[in-house]
Amino acid sequence: MPLDDDLPGGLRERLRELLVEHLEGQLPHGDLVTEPAAVRCGTAIVYIRLIDADPVVLRVFSPLLRGVDRTPELLGELNDLNARLSFLRFFWRDGAVFAATEMLAGSVDRDTLAHAFETVADAADYYDERLEPRFGGEKAYLDRST
């Protein structure tokens, strides 16, 4: 299913509407293709992006930690997480640790979007707190209240 940018009810518009519904009326910034929508979730931030490929892919991802060195220990830990968790993958890229999931955009409905978003958001908000003391880096949002 193509993006159908110039047709009412096209894929981009439908997914944006699903995202607004999931976020209870919040209108995310970004058009989902050239700029991902960003949503804060605790100490993490979750991005939603449409990848204009054939077929179109919806990617939900979060940089858990930035400024992290790639070490065998870190890669081993991420591999262990990938082996234990479903519908989610962790990886290191360009000095950051990410959690991500992808799905075929044409098949996304309200429930699958909610599941993908919540899975990435919960994992990012949980694992950034656990990985930072061991591997360093900086979370997307720092708690400055203490």
N, C-alpha and C. Protein backbone atom coordinates (compact mmCIF):
# COMPACT_ATOMS: atom_id res chain seq x y z
N MET A 1 0.85 -1.17 0.00
CA MET A 1 0.00 0.00 0.00
C MET A 1 0.89 1.24 0.00
N PRO A 2 0.78 2.11 -1.02
CA PRO A 2 1.59 3.32 -1.06
C PRO A 2 1.09 4.36 -0.06
N LEU A 3 1.91 5.39 0.15
CA LEU A 3 1.54 6.45 1.10
C LEU A 3 0.29 7.22 0.67
N ASP A 4 0.03 7.34 -0.62
CA ASP A 4 -1.14 8.09 -1.12
C ASP A 4 -1.21 9.49 -0.53
N ASP A 5 -0.10 10.22 -0.63
CA ASP A 5 -0.02 11.54 -0.01
C ASP A 5 -1.09 12.51 -0.47
N ASP A 6 -1.50 12.44 -1.73
CA ASP A 6 -2.44 13.44 -2.21
C ASP A 6 -3.88 12.94 -2.21
N LEU A 7 -4.16 11.82 -1.58
CA LEU A 7 -5.52 11.31 -1.51
C LEU A 7 -6.04 11.39 -0.08
N PRO A 8 -7.26 11.90 0.11
CA PRO A 8 -7.85 11.87 1.46
C PRO A 8 -7.94 10.42 1.93
N GLY A 9 -7.60 10.21 3.17
CA GLY A 9 -7.64 8.86 3.72
C GLY A 9 -6.45 8.02 3.34
N GLY A 10 -5.40 8.64 2.82
CA GLY A 10 -4.18 7.92 2.48
C GLY A 10 -3.53 7.35 3.73
N LEU A 11 -2.54 6.52 3.51
CA LEU A 11 -1.88 5.82 4.61
C LEU A 11 -1.27 6.77 5.62
N ARG A 12 -0.59 7.81 5.15
CA ARG A 12 0.02 8.77 6.08
C ARG A 12 -1.04 9.42 6.96
N GLU A 13 -2.14 9.84 6.34
CA GLU A 13 -3.21 10.49 7.09
C GLU A 13 -3.86 9.50 8.07
N ARG A 14 -4.10 8.27 7.64
CA ARG A 14 -4.73 7.27 8.51
C ARG A 14 -3.86 6.97 9.73
N LEU A 15 -2.56 6.82 9.52
CA LEU A 15 -1.68 6.53 10.64
C LEU A 15 -1.54 7.72 11.58
N ARG A 16 -1.53 8.91 11.03
CA ARG A 16 -1.48 10.11 11.88
C ARG A 16 -2.73 10.18 12.75
N GLU A 17 -3.90 9.88 12.18
CA GLU A 17 -5.15 9.89 12.94
C GLU A 17 -5.12 8.83 14.05
N LEU A 18 -4.60 7.63 13.74
CA LEU A 18 -4.47 6.60 14.77
C LEU A 18 -3.56 7.06 15.90
N LEU A 19 -2.48 7.73 15.54
CA LEU A 19 -1.54 8.21 16.55
C LEU A 19 -2.18 9.29 17.41
N VAL A 20 -2.90 10.22 16.82
CA VAL A 20 -3.60 11.26 17.58
C VAL A 20 -4.62 10.62 18.52
N GLU A 21 -5.34 9.61 18.04
CA GLU A 21 -6.30 8.90 18.89
C GLU A 21 -5.58 8.23 20.06
N HIS A 22 -4.45 7.57 19.78
CA HIS A 22 -3.70 6.90 20.84
C HIS A 22 -3.18 7.90 21.86
N LEU A 23 -2.79 9.07 21.41
CA LEU A 23 -2.25 10.10 22.30
C LEU A 23 -3.35 10.98 22.89
N GLU A 24 -4.58 10.53 22.78
CA GLU A 24 -5.75 11.20 23.35
C GLU A 24 -5.85 12.65 22.92
N GLY A 25 -5.75 12.86 21.61
CA GLY A 25 -5.97 14.18 21.04
C GLY A 25 -4.72 15.02 20.85
N GLN A 26 -3.59 14.63 21.42
CA GLN A 26 -2.35 15.39 21.20
C GLN A 26 -1.96 15.28 19.74
N LEU A 27 -1.65 16.39 19.13
CA LEU A 27 -1.21 16.39 17.74
C LEU A 27 0.31 16.37 17.72
N PRO A 28 0.90 15.25 17.32
CA PRO A 28 2.37 15.18 17.31
C PRO A 28 2.95 16.03 16.20
N HIS A 29 4.13 16.60 16.47
CA HIS A 29 4.85 17.35 15.45
C HIS A 29 5.49 16.36 14.49
N GLY A 30 5.74 16.80 13.27
CA GLY A 30 6.34 15.94 12.26
C GLY A 30 5.28 15.37 11.35
N ASP A 31 5.67 15.11 10.11
CA ASP A 31 4.72 14.54 9.16
C ASP A 31 4.85 13.03 9.05
N LEU A 32 5.62 12.43 9.89
CA LEU A 32 5.86 11.00 10.02
C LEU A 32 6.78 10.43 8.95
N VAL A 33 7.01 11.13 7.84
CA VAL A 33 7.94 10.62 6.83
C VAL A 33 9.23 11.41 6.86
N THR A 34 9.15 12.72 6.67
CA THR A 34 10.38 13.52 6.66
C THR A 34 10.86 13.84 8.06
N GLU A 35 9.94 13.81 9.02
CA GLU A 35 10.30 14.09 10.41
C GLU A 35 9.43 13.21 11.31
N PRO A 36 10.04 12.38 12.14
CA PRO A 36 9.22 11.51 13.00
C PRO A 36 8.49 12.31 14.07
N ALA A 37 7.36 11.78 14.50
CA ALA A 37 6.65 12.34 15.64
C ALA A 37 7.38 11.90 16.90
N ALA A 38 7.48 12.78 17.89
CA ALA A 38 8.20 12.49 19.13
C ALA A 38 7.26 12.66 20.31
N VAL A 39 7.31 11.69 21.24
CA VAL A 39 6.46 11.71 22.42
C VAL A 39 7.31 11.35 23.63
N ARG A 40 7.25 12.18 24.68
CA ARG A 40 7.99 11.89 25.90
C ARG A 40 7.26 10.83 26.71
N CYS A 41 8.04 9.89 27.25
CA CYS A 41 7.51 8.79 28.07
C CYS A 41 8.44 8.59 29.24
N GLY A 42 8.18 9.21 30.37
CA GLY A 42 9.05 9.10 31.53
C GLY A 42 10.41 9.70 31.23
N THR A 43 11.47 8.91 31.40
CA THR A 43 12.82 9.38 31.11
C THR A 43 13.21 9.12 29.67
N ALA A 44 12.28 8.62 28.88
CA ALA A 44 12.57 8.27 27.48
C ALA A 44 11.75 9.14 26.53
N ILE A 45 12.11 9.06 25.26
CA ILE A 45 11.35 9.69 24.20
C ILE A 45 11.14 8.64 23.12
N VAL A 46 9.91 8.57 22.60
CA VAL A 46 9.56 7.60 21.57
C VAL A 46 9.26 8.35 20.28
N TYR A 47 9.83 7.85 19.20
CA TYR A 47 9.62 8.43 17.87
C TYR A 47 8.83 7.45 17.02
N ILE A 48 7.94 8.00 16.19
CA ILE A 48 7.16 7.21 15.26
C ILE A 48 7.44 7.77 13.87
N ARG A 49 7.85 6.88 12.96
CA ARG A 49 8.23 7.34 11.62
C ARG A 49 7.71 6.35 10.58
N LEU A 50 7.24 6.91 9.46
CA LEU A 50 6.87 6.10 8.30
C LEU A 50 8.07 6.03 7.38
N ILE A 51 8.39 4.84 6.95
CA ILE A 51 9.49 4.62 6.02
C ILE A 51 8.86 4.36 4.65
N ASP A 52 9.11 5.28 3.71
CA ASP A 52 8.54 5.18 2.38
C ASP A 52 9.32 4.15 1.58
N ALA A 53 8.93 2.90 1.76
CA ALA A 53 9.56 1.76 1.08
C ALA A 53 8.46 0.96 0.42
N ASP A 54 8.80 -0.14 -0.17
CA ASP A 54 7.81 -0.99 -0.79
C ASP A 54 7.89 -2.37 -0.16
N PRO A 55 7.05 -2.69 0.79
CA PRO A 55 5.90 -1.94 1.29
C PRO A 55 6.31 -0.89 2.33
N VAL A 56 5.41 0.03 2.62
CA VAL A 56 5.64 1.09 3.60
C VAL A 56 5.74 0.46 4.99
N VAL A 57 6.72 0.95 5.78
CA VAL A 57 6.99 0.41 7.12
C VAL A 57 6.73 1.50 8.16
N LEU A 58 6.13 1.12 9.27
CA LEU A 58 6.00 2.01 10.42
C LEU A 58 7.06 1.60 11.42
N ARG A 59 7.94 2.53 11.78
CA ARG A 59 9.00 2.26 12.76
C ARG A 59 8.69 3.06 14.02
N VAL A 60 8.74 2.38 15.15
CA VAL A 60 8.59 2.99 16.47
C VAL A 60 9.90 2.74 17.19
N PHE A 61 10.57 3.81 17.63
CA PHE A 61 11.90 3.64 18.22
C PHE A 61 12.18 4.67 19.29
N SER A 62 13.17 4.35 20.12
CA SER A 62 13.56 5.24 21.21
C SER A 62 15.05 5.13 21.45
N PRO A 63 15.75 6.27 21.50
CA PRO A 63 17.14 6.25 21.94
C PRO A 63 17.17 6.23 23.47
N LEU A 64 17.50 5.07 24.04
CA LEU A 64 17.51 4.93 25.49
C LEU A 64 18.63 5.75 26.11
N LEU A 65 19.82 5.62 25.53
CA LEU A 65 21.00 6.30 26.04
C LEU A 65 21.80 6.87 24.88
N ARG A 66 22.34 8.06 25.08
CA ARG A 66 23.21 8.70 24.09
C ARG A 66 24.60 8.84 24.70
N GLY A 67 25.61 8.87 23.83
CA GLY A 67 26.98 9.03 24.30
C GLY A 67 27.52 7.77 24.95
N VAL A 68 27.19 6.62 24.39
CA VAL A 68 27.59 5.33 24.94
C VAL A 68 28.63 4.69 24.01
N ASP A 69 29.72 4.22 24.62
CA ASP A 69 30.74 3.52 23.84
C ASP A 69 30.26 2.11 23.48
N ARG A 70 30.63 1.69 22.29
CA ARG A 70 30.33 0.32 21.85
C ARG A 70 31.40 -0.60 22.44
N THR A 71 30.96 -1.48 23.33
CA THR A 71 31.88 -2.43 23.96
C THR A 71 31.32 -3.84 23.80
N PRO A 72 32.17 -4.84 23.90
CA PRO A 72 31.66 -6.22 23.86
C PRO A 72 30.64 -6.50 24.96
N GLU A 73 30.83 -5.90 26.13
CA GLU A 73 29.89 -6.11 27.24
C GLU A 73 28.52 -5.53 26.90
N LEU A 74 28.50 -4.31 26.34
CA LEU A 74 27.23 -3.69 25.96
C LEU A 74 26.54 -4.51 24.88
N LEU A 75 27.26 -4.89 23.85
CA LEU A 75 26.65 -5.66 22.77
C LEU A 75 26.15 -7.01 23.28
N GLY A 76 26.87 -7.62 24.22
CA GLY A 76 26.40 -8.87 24.82
C GLY A 76 25.10 -8.68 25.60
N GLU A 77 25.02 -7.59 26.35
CA GLU A 77 23.80 -7.29 27.10
C GLU A 77 22.62 -7.06 26.16
N LEU A 78 22.84 -6.29 25.09
CA LEU A 78 21.76 -6.03 24.13
C LEU A 78 21.33 -7.32 23.45
N ASN A 79 22.28 -8.18 23.14
CA ASN A 79 21.95 -9.47 22.54
C ASN A 79 21.12 -10.32 23.49
N ASP A 80 21.47 -10.32 24.78
CA ASP A 80 20.69 -11.05 25.77
C ASP A 80 19.26 -10.52 25.86
N LEU A 81 19.10 -9.19 25.84
CA LEU A 81 17.76 -8.61 25.86
C LEU A 81 16.98 -9.03 24.62
N ASN A 82 17.61 -9.00 23.47
CA ASN A 82 16.94 -9.38 22.23
C ASN A 82 16.48 -10.84 22.28
N ALA A 83 17.25 -11.69 22.92
CA ALA A 83 16.89 -13.10 23.02
C ALA A 83 15.73 -13.34 23.97
N ARG A 84 15.53 -12.45 24.96
CA ARG A 84 14.50 -12.64 25.98
C ARG A 84 13.18 -11.96 25.65
N LEU A 85 13.20 -10.87 24.90
CA LEU A 85 12.01 -10.06 24.70
C LEU A 85 11.38 -10.31 23.33
N SER A 86 10.08 -10.16 23.25
CA SER A 86 9.35 -10.32 21.99
C SER A 86 8.89 -8.97 21.47
N PHE A 87 8.76 -8.87 20.16
CA PHE A 87 8.24 -7.68 19.48
C PHE A 87 9.11 -6.44 19.67
N LEU A 88 10.38 -6.64 19.97
CA LEU A 88 11.25 -5.52 20.29
C LEU A 88 12.69 -5.91 20.03
N ARG A 89 13.49 -4.94 19.62
CA ARG A 89 14.93 -5.22 19.48
C ARG A 89 15.70 -4.04 20.04
N PHE A 90 16.87 -4.36 20.57
CA PHE A 90 17.79 -3.35 21.09
C PHE A 90 19.04 -3.39 20.23
N PHE A 91 19.63 -2.21 20.00
CA PHE A 91 20.86 -2.16 19.22
C PHE A 91 21.62 -0.88 19.54
N TRP A 92 22.91 -0.88 19.20
CA TRP A 92 23.78 0.28 19.34
C TRP A 92 24.04 0.84 17.95
N ARG A 93 23.96 2.17 17.83
CA ARG A 93 24.28 2.83 16.56
C ARG A 93 24.72 4.25 16.84
N ASP A 94 25.85 4.64 16.27
CA ASP A 94 26.35 6.02 16.34
C ASP A 94 26.37 6.57 17.77
N GLY A 95 26.85 5.77 18.72
CA GLY A 95 26.99 6.23 20.09
C GLY A 95 25.73 6.22 20.91
N ALA A 96 24.67 5.57 20.43
CA ALA A 96 23.41 5.52 21.16
C ALA A 96 22.88 4.09 21.21
N VAL A 97 22.15 3.80 22.28
CA VAL A 97 21.45 2.52 22.42
C VAL A 97 19.98 2.79 22.11
N PHE A 98 19.41 1.98 21.23
CA PHE A 98 18.02 2.13 20.79
C PHE A 98 17.20 0.91 21.14
N ALA A 99 15.90 1.14 21.33
CA ALA A 99 14.89 0.09 21.32
C ALA A 99 13.99 0.40 20.14
N ALA A 100 13.57 -0.62 19.40
CA ALA A 100 12.77 -0.36 18.20
C ALA A 100 11.90 -1.56 17.85
N THR A 101 10.86 -1.26 17.10
CA THR A 101 10.03 -2.28 16.47
C THR A 101 9.55 -1.71 15.14
N GLU A 102 9.30 -2.59 14.19
CA GLU A 102 8.78 -2.18 12.89
C GLU A 102 7.62 -3.10 12.52
N MET A 103 6.74 -2.55 11.69
CA MET A 103 5.62 -3.34 11.18
C MET A 103 5.20 -2.80 9.82
N LEU A 104 4.51 -3.62 9.06
CA LEU A 104 3.99 -3.16 7.78
C LEU A 104 2.91 -2.11 8.05
N ALA A 105 3.11 -0.91 7.53
CA ALA A 105 2.22 0.20 7.85
C ALA A 105 0.79 -0.03 7.39
N GLY A 106 0.61 -0.70 6.26
CA GLY A 106 -0.73 -0.94 5.74
C GLY A 106 -1.58 -1.82 6.63
N SER A 107 -0.97 -2.60 7.51
CA SER A 107 -1.73 -3.50 8.39
C SER A 107 -1.93 -2.93 9.79
N VAL A 108 -1.43 -1.73 10.05
CA VAL A 108 -1.52 -1.16 11.40
C VAL A 108 -2.95 -0.69 11.68
N ASP A 109 -3.45 -1.10 12.82
CA ASP A 109 -4.73 -0.60 13.31
C ASP A 109 -4.51 -0.01 14.70
N ARG A 110 -5.56 0.41 15.35
CA ARG A 110 -5.46 1.06 16.65
C ARG A 110 -4.73 0.18 17.67
N ASP A 111 -5.09 -1.10 17.71
CA ASP A 111 -4.49 -2.01 18.70
C ASP A 111 -3.02 -2.28 18.43
N THR A 112 -2.65 -2.51 17.17
CA THR A 112 -1.24 -2.79 16.88
C THR A 112 -0.38 -1.56 17.10
N LEU A 113 -0.89 -0.38 16.77
CA LEU A 113 -0.13 0.85 17.04
C LEU A 113 0.05 1.03 18.55
N ALA A 114 -1.01 0.84 19.30
CA ALA A 114 -0.93 1.00 20.76
C ALA A 114 0.07 0.00 21.34
N HIS A 115 0.02 -1.25 20.88
CA HIS A 115 0.95 -2.25 21.39
C HIS A 115 2.39 -1.89 21.07
N ALA A 116 2.66 -1.50 19.84
CA ALA A 116 4.02 -1.13 19.45
C ALA A 116 4.52 0.06 20.25
N PHE A 117 3.70 1.09 20.35
CA PHE A 117 4.09 2.30 21.07
C PHE A 117 4.36 1.98 22.54
N GLU A 118 3.44 1.28 23.19
CA GLU A 118 3.59 0.99 24.61
C GLU A 118 4.76 0.04 24.87
N THR A 119 4.99 -0.91 23.98
CA THR A 119 6.11 -1.84 24.16
C THR A 119 7.44 -1.08 24.13
N VAL A 120 7.61 -0.21 23.14
CA VAL A 120 8.86 0.56 23.04
C VAL A 120 8.96 1.56 24.20
N ALA A 121 7.87 2.25 24.51
CA ALA A 121 7.90 3.25 25.59
C ALA A 121 8.23 2.60 26.94
N ASP A 122 7.58 1.50 27.25
CA ASP A 122 7.82 0.83 28.52
C ASP A 122 9.25 0.30 28.60
N ALA A 123 9.72 -0.31 27.52
CA ALA A 123 11.08 -0.86 27.52
C ALA A 123 12.12 0.26 27.65
N ALA A 124 11.93 1.35 26.92
CA ALA A 124 12.88 2.45 26.97
C ALA A 124 12.92 3.07 28.36
N ASP A 125 11.76 3.30 28.94
CA ASP A 125 11.69 3.91 30.26
C ASP A 125 12.23 2.98 31.35
N TYR A 126 12.15 1.70 31.14
CA TYR A 126 12.66 0.72 32.11
C TYR A 126 14.16 0.49 31.93
N TYR A 127 14.58 0.19 30.71
CA TYR A 127 15.97 -0.23 30.50
C TYR A 127 16.96 0.92 30.49
N ASP A 128 16.54 2.15 30.21
CA ASP A 128 17.52 3.25 30.30
C ASP A 128 18.04 3.37 31.72
N GLU A 129 17.16 3.17 32.70
CA GLU A 129 17.54 3.25 34.11
C GLU A 129 18.49 2.12 34.51
N ARG A 130 18.36 0.97 33.88
CA ARG A 130 19.18 -0.18 34.23
C ARG A 130 20.51 -0.23 33.48
N LEU A 131 20.52 0.26 32.26
CA LEU A 131 21.75 0.22 31.46
C LEU A 131 22.70 1.37 31.76
N GLU A 132 22.17 2.52 32.11
CA GLU A 132 23.02 3.70 32.33
C GLU A 132 24.09 3.49 33.41
N PRO A 133 23.77 2.93 34.58
CA PRO A 133 24.83 2.75 35.58
C PRO A 133 25.97 1.82 35.12
N ARG A 134 25.66 0.86 34.29
CA ARG A 134 26.67 -0.10 33.82
C ARG A 134 27.47 0.40 32.63
N PHE A 135 26.80 1.14 31.72
CA PHE A 135 27.45 1.47 30.45
C PHE A 135 27.61 2.96 30.20
N GLY A 136 27.10 3.79 31.11
CA GLY A 136 27.25 5.23 30.96
C GLY A 136 26.25 5.81 29.97
N GLY A 137 26.57 6.99 29.50
CA GLY A 137 25.67 7.67 28.58
C GLY A 137 24.69 8.56 29.32
N GLU A 138 23.77 9.10 28.55
CA GLU A 138 22.79 10.02 29.10
C GLU A 138 21.41 9.65 28.59
N LYS A 139 20.42 9.61 29.51
CA LYS A 139 19.04 9.32 29.13
C LYS A 139 18.47 10.48 28.32
N ALA A 140 17.38 10.21 27.61
CA ALA A 140 16.74 11.24 26.79
C ALA A 140 16.27 12.41 27.67
N TYR A 141 15.68 12.09 28.82
CA TYR A 141 15.24 13.13 29.76
C TYR A 141 15.84 12.83 31.12
N LEU A 142 16.53 13.79 31.66
CA LEU A 142 17.12 13.63 32.98
C LEU A 142 16.15 14.11 34.04
N ASP A 143 16.10 13.42 35.16
CA ASP A 143 15.26 13.83 36.29
C ASP A 143 16.03 14.91 37.05
N ARG A 144 15.62 16.15 36.92
CA ARG A 144 16.31 17.26 37.56
C ARG A 144 15.63 17.69 38.86
N SER A 145 14.67 16.86 39.33
CA SER A 145 13.93 17.22 40.55
C SER A 145 14.70 16.90 41.81
N THR A 146 15.76 16.08 41.71
CA THR A 146 16.49 15.72 42.91
C THR A 146 17.77 16.52 43.05
